Protein backbone atom coordinates (compact mmCIF):
# COMPACT_ATOMS: atom_id res chain seq x y z
CA MET A 1 0.07 0.00 -0.03
CA SER A 2 1.38 3.59 -0.82
CA LEU A 3 3.00 5.31 1.78
CA PHE A 4 0.49 8.34 0.77
CA ASN A 5 -2.81 6.71 0.16
CA GLY A 6 -5.74 8.61 1.09
CA LEU A 7 -3.94 11.68 1.84
CA TYR A 8 -4.59 14.94 -0.05
CA PRO A 9 -1.62 16.38 -2.04
CA TYR A 10 -0.91 19.08 0.39
CA GLU A 11 -0.84 16.62 3.35
CA VAL A 12 1.91 14.68 1.10
CA VAL A 13 3.80 17.89 0.69
CA LEU A 14 3.45 18.36 4.83
CA LEU A 15 4.85 14.68 5.35
CA VAL A 16 7.71 15.21 3.05
CA LEU A 17 8.74 18.57 3.83
CA GLY A 18 8.47 17.49 7.73
CA ALA A 19 10.64 14.60 7.36
CA LEU A 20 13.42 16.40 5.50
CA PHE A 21 13.16 19.19 8.07
CA PHE A 22 13.72 16.63 10.92
CA LEU A 23 16.37 14.80 9.19
CA LEU A 24 18.16 18.45 8.68
CA LEU A 25 17.76 19.24 12.63
CA ALA A 26 18.82 16.02 13.22
CA VAL A 27 22.41 16.58 11.35
CA LEU A 28 22.71 20.00 12.73
CA LEU A 29 22.23 18.53 16.34
CA VAL A 30 24.69 16.15 15.58
CA VAL A 31 27.03 18.54 14.59
CA LEU A 32 26.76 20.76 17.54
CA VAL A 33 27.04 18.15 19.65
CA VAL A 34 30.51 16.60 18.15
CA ARG A 35 31.83 20.23 18.00
CA GLY A 36 30.85 21.06 21.59
CA LYS A 37 28.48 23.92 21.05
CA PRO A 38 25.16 24.52 22.82
CA TYR A 39 22.51 22.74 21.60
CA ILE A 40 19.67 22.86 23.87
CA GLY A 41 18.00 25.92 22.42
CA MET A 42 17.45 24.22 19.13
CA LEU A 43 15.64 21.33 20.63
CA GLY A 44 12.31 23.47 20.42
CA PHE A 45 12.40 23.69 16.78
CA PHE A 46 11.89 19.83 16.56
CA ALA A 47 8.38 20.50 17.67
CA ILE A 48 7.72 21.84 13.96
CA PRO A 49 8.66 18.97 11.79
CA ILE A 50 7.15 16.44 14.63
CA ALA A 51 3.75 18.39 13.86
CA MET A 52 4.51 18.37 10.17
CA ILE A 53 4.68 14.77 10.03
CA GLY A 54 2.06 13.94 12.66
CA TYR A 55 -0.82 16.05 11.00
CA PRO A 56 -0.98 13.76 7.90
CA SER A 57 -0.07 10.54 9.72
CA ILE A 58 -2.99 10.85 11.88
CA GLN A 59 -5.31 11.59 8.63
CA LYS A 60 -3.68 8.45 6.80
CA VAL A 61 -4.64 6.31 10.30
CA SER A 62 -7.96 8.10 9.85
CA PHE A 63 -8.64 6.78 6.33
CA GLN A 64 -7.43 3.35 6.84
CA ASP A 65 -9.67 3.09 10.19
CA GLY A 66 -12.52 4.68 7.95
CA ALA A 67 -12.25 2.27 5.17
CA VAL A 68 -12.86 -0.63 7.73
CA THR A 69 -15.59 1.37 9.63
CA ILE A 70 -17.34 1.82 6.59
CA GLU A 71 -17.44 -1.78 5.40
CA LYS A 72 -18.89 -2.78 8.74
CA THR A 73 -21.78 0.37 8.51
CA THR A 74 -22.75 -0.75 5.20
CA GLU A 75 -23.25 -4.78 6.23
CA GLN A 76 -25.80 -3.09 9.25
CA LEU A 77 -27.72 -1.26 6.98
CA GLN A 78 -27.78 -4.27 4.52
CA ALA A 79 -29.43 -5.96 7.66
CA ALA A 80 -31.65 -3.04 8.39
CA PRO A 81 -32.48 -0.98 5.33
CA THR A 82 -34.90 1.25 6.69
CA ASP A 83 -32.64 2.31 9.54
CA THR A 84 -32.40 6.42 8.99
CA ALA A 85 -29.76 6.75 11.49
CA LEU A 86 -27.64 4.21 9.97
CA ARG A 87 -28.34 5.67 6.57
CA THR A 88 -27.29 8.74 7.52
CA ASN A 89 -24.27 7.82 9.01
CA LEU A 90 -22.87 6.07 6.20
CA GLU A 91 -23.89 8.97 4.01
CA LYS A 92 -21.18 11.04 6.29
CA GLN A 93 -18.67 8.11 6.02
CA VAL A 94 -18.95 7.76 2.11
CA ALA A 95 -18.68 11.82 1.59
CA SER A 96 -15.35 11.92 4.34
CA LEU A 97 -13.88 9.07 2.31
CA ALA A 98 -14.84 9.03 -1.37
CA SER A 99 -13.12 12.64 -1.30
CA ARG A 100 -9.66 11.45 -0.41
CA PRO A 101 -7.33 10.49 -3.32
CA THR A 102 -6.36 6.61 -2.83
CA ALA A 103 -5.86 3.84 -5.17
CA ASP A 104 -5.91 1.08 -2.55
CA PRO A 105 -8.49 -1.54 -4.18
CA GLY A 106 -9.78 -2.74 -0.72
CA ALA A 107 -10.74 0.82 0.20
CA LEU A 108 -12.26 1.54 -3.35
CA THR A 109 -14.50 -1.46 -2.94
CA ASN A 110 -15.90 -0.68 0.29
CA ILE A 111 -16.46 2.73 -0.53
CA ALA A 112 -18.32 1.32 -3.79
CA LYS A 113 -20.34 -0.98 -1.49
CA ALA A 114 -21.50 1.94 0.58
CA GLN A 115 -22.16 3.67 -2.37
CA PHE A 116 -24.39 1.28 -3.92
CA ALA A 117 -26.17 0.25 -0.59
CA LEU A 118 -26.83 3.70 -0.30
CA GLY A 119 -28.75 3.86 -3.95
CA HIS A 120 -25.77 5.77 -5.66
CA HIS A 121 -25.50 3.46 -8.24
CA ALA A 122 -23.53 5.81 -11.05
CA ASP A 123 -21.11 6.58 -8.33
CA ALA A 124 -20.67 2.99 -7.17
CA ALA A 125 -20.15 1.84 -10.72
CA ALA A 126 -17.54 4.47 -11.38
CA THR A 127 -15.57 3.53 -7.83
CA LEU A 128 -15.83 -0.30 -8.73
CA GLN A 129 -14.45 0.61 -12.34
CA LYS A 130 -11.27 1.73 -10.57
CA VAL A 131 -10.73 -1.18 -8.86
CA LEU A 132 -11.56 -3.55 -11.75
CA GLN A 133 -8.87 -1.86 -13.78
CA THR A 134 -6.31 -2.73 -11.49
CA SER A 135 -7.54 -5.67 -9.58
CA PRO A 136 -10.00 -7.30 -11.32
CA ALA A 137 -9.72 -10.55 -9.74
CA LEU A 138 -10.47 -9.14 -6.19
CA PRO A 139 -13.19 -11.51 -4.46
CA GLN A 140 -14.92 -8.42 -2.89
CA ALA A 141 -15.01 -6.42 -6.48
CA MET A 142 -16.31 -9.50 -8.17
CA ALA A 143 -19.25 -10.12 -5.29
CA LEU A 144 -19.95 -6.16 -5.81
CA LYS A 145 -19.94 -6.77 -9.61
CA GLN A 146 -22.28 -9.35 -9.37
CA ARG A 147 -24.59 -7.73 -7.20
CA MET A 148 -24.74 -4.91 -10.01
CA ASP A 149 -24.97 -7.20 -12.92
CA THR A 150 -28.03 -8.38 -10.76
CA ASP A 151 -29.52 -5.09 -10.49
CA ASN A 152 -29.02 -4.32 -13.95
CA ALA A 153 -30.62 -7.64 -15.20
CA LEU A 154 -33.85 -7.03 -13.02
CA ALA A 155 -34.32 -3.53 -14.67
CA THR A 156 -33.55 -4.71 -18.22
CA LEU A 157 -35.61 -7.84 -18.03
CA THR A 158 -38.81 -6.59 -16.14
CA PRO A 159 -39.88 -4.00 -18.80
CA GLN A 160 -39.17 -6.69 -21.60
CA LEU A 161 -41.38 -9.24 -19.80
CA ALA A 162 -43.92 -6.51 -19.50
CA GLN A 163 -44.04 -5.94 -23.27
CA HIS A 164 -43.84 -9.79 -24.09
CA PRO A 165 -45.46 -11.39 -21.38
CA ASN A 166 -45.42 -15.17 -23.12
CA ASP A 167 -41.68 -14.68 -23.71
CA ASP A 168 -40.69 -17.77 -21.93
CA ALA A 169 -36.84 -17.11 -22.10
CA THR A 170 -37.13 -13.79 -20.81
CA LYS A 171 -39.34 -14.85 -18.09
CA GLN A 172 -36.66 -17.74 -17.21
CA LYS A 173 -33.91 -15.18 -17.22
CA LEU A 174 -35.80 -12.93 -15.05
CA ALA A 175 -36.91 -15.71 -12.45
CA GLU A 176 -33.12 -16.53 -12.19
CA ALA A 177 -32.40 -12.69 -11.83
CA VAL A 178 -35.05 -12.71 -8.65
CA ALA A 179 -33.70 -15.77 -7.20
CA GLN A 180 -30.01 -14.39 -7.21
CA ALA A 181 -31.52 -11.08 -5.62
CA ALA A 182 -33.15 -13.48 -3.24
CA THR A 183 -29.69 -14.48 -1.75
CA LEU A 184 -28.34 -10.59 -1.06
CA LYS A 185 -29.11 -8.49 1.93
CA ILE A 186 -30.44 -5.06 -0.26
CA ALA A 187 -30.11 -1.70 1.19
CA SER A 188 -30.32 0.33 -1.79
CA PRO A 189 -33.73 1.97 -2.56
CA GLY A 190 -33.57 1.52 -6.57
CA PHE A 191 -32.59 -1.96 -6.25
CA LEU A 192 -35.19 -3.03 -3.85
CA ALA A 193 -37.58 -1.23 -6.44
CA HIS A 194 -36.33 -3.47 -9.27
CA VAL A 195 -36.94 -6.62 -6.94
CA ALA A 196 -40.42 -5.49 -6.45
CA MET A 197 -41.28 -5.12 -10.02
CA ALA A 198 -39.75 -7.98 -11.13
CA HIS A 199 -41.86 -10.21 -8.58
CA ALA A 200 -44.77 -8.45 -9.71
CA ALA A 201 -44.09 -9.15 -13.35
CA LEU A 202 -43.24 -12.70 -12.48
CA GLY A 203 -47.00 -12.63 -10.40
CA ASP A 204 -45.83 -12.83 -6.91
CA LYS A 205 -47.97 -9.92 -5.73
CA ALA A 206 -47.10 -10.49 -1.91
CA LYS A 207 -43.14 -10.13 -2.15
CA ALA A 208 -43.88 -7.42 -4.79
CA GLN A 209 -45.78 -5.50 -2.20
CA SER A 210 -43.26 -6.07 0.27
CA PHE A 211 -40.13 -4.51 -1.57
CA ALA A 212 -42.22 -1.65 -2.81
CA ASP A 213 -43.09 -0.84 0.78
CA THR A 214 -39.25 -1.18 1.89
CA ALA A 215 -38.11 0.89 -0.98
CA LEU A 216 -40.83 3.46 -0.48
CA LYS A 217 -39.85 3.94 3.37
CA ILE A 218 -36.40 4.46 2.43
CA ASN A 219 -37.11 6.73 -0.51
CA PRO A 220 -40.82 7.91 -1.30
CA ASN A 221 -39.48 10.04 -4.19
CA LEU A 222 -38.00 7.31 -6.20
CA ALA A 223 -38.46 7.31 -10.02
CA ASP A 224 -40.52 4.36 -9.92
CA ALA A 225 -42.48 5.68 -6.87
CA LYS A 226 -46.17 5.96 -8.55
CA GLN A 227 -45.67 2.35 -9.91
CA LEU A 228 -44.38 1.07 -6.43
CA LYS A 229 -47.15 2.53 -4.26
CA SER A 230 -49.57 0.74 -6.81
CA LEU A 231 -47.84 -2.40 -5.92
CA ALA A 232 -47.75 -1.71 -1.95
CA THR A 233 -51.64 -0.46 -2.06
CA SER A 234 -53.22 -2.73 -5.00
CA PRO A 235 -52.27 -6.45 -4.80
CA GLY A 236 -53.93 -7.40 -7.75
CA LYS A 237 -52.37 -5.22 -10.11
CA HIS A 238 -49.53 -5.90 -12.31
CA ILE A 239 -46.74 -3.44 -13.44
């Protein structure tokens, strides 16, 4: 992992200059001691490079800890998708970490997971793409890509089946995508909406209602809100 991972450019500059300043002072101190010159007065100057090195070091540790914490918070939100406090907390964590420069695939994957769980699918796809460019075989990244692929399959196949209800091939593919989604803990309101409409297209009104209700509790202003409200309140209707 890069020494400067998660640090802003100005923090990198502080770290490098602080280290150089510290070395310079150390050399001067040795020279004074060897020559028998007074050196006590210059000891206070060491506080400057220590502060210059300490600040970015603290920020780096904070970033590393944040990358671990965000993964845990994401898992908690997936287990309780309607928990407003958890969602707000995760939003803050994403805002704090996503703005920091990093090439660490693990940290980026955790950020992408959180973005997707929050429903920020485009941001999650862009972040995940950075990981796949350098670490395409990373298990966590592959799992997230599969989750995104399942969501995209639901979003694509559901309207296709609605237009061609007798297309058995499309119905089979949609059923497979729904089965895959059933193995996941979902926090993204958009993903939940796609699952709801897929269940409705396949004729499972009870599950369609359940997923629609959860999606609307998280975000009542979804693009598909009108359809979802119909599913949640009218079990006899198709999409």
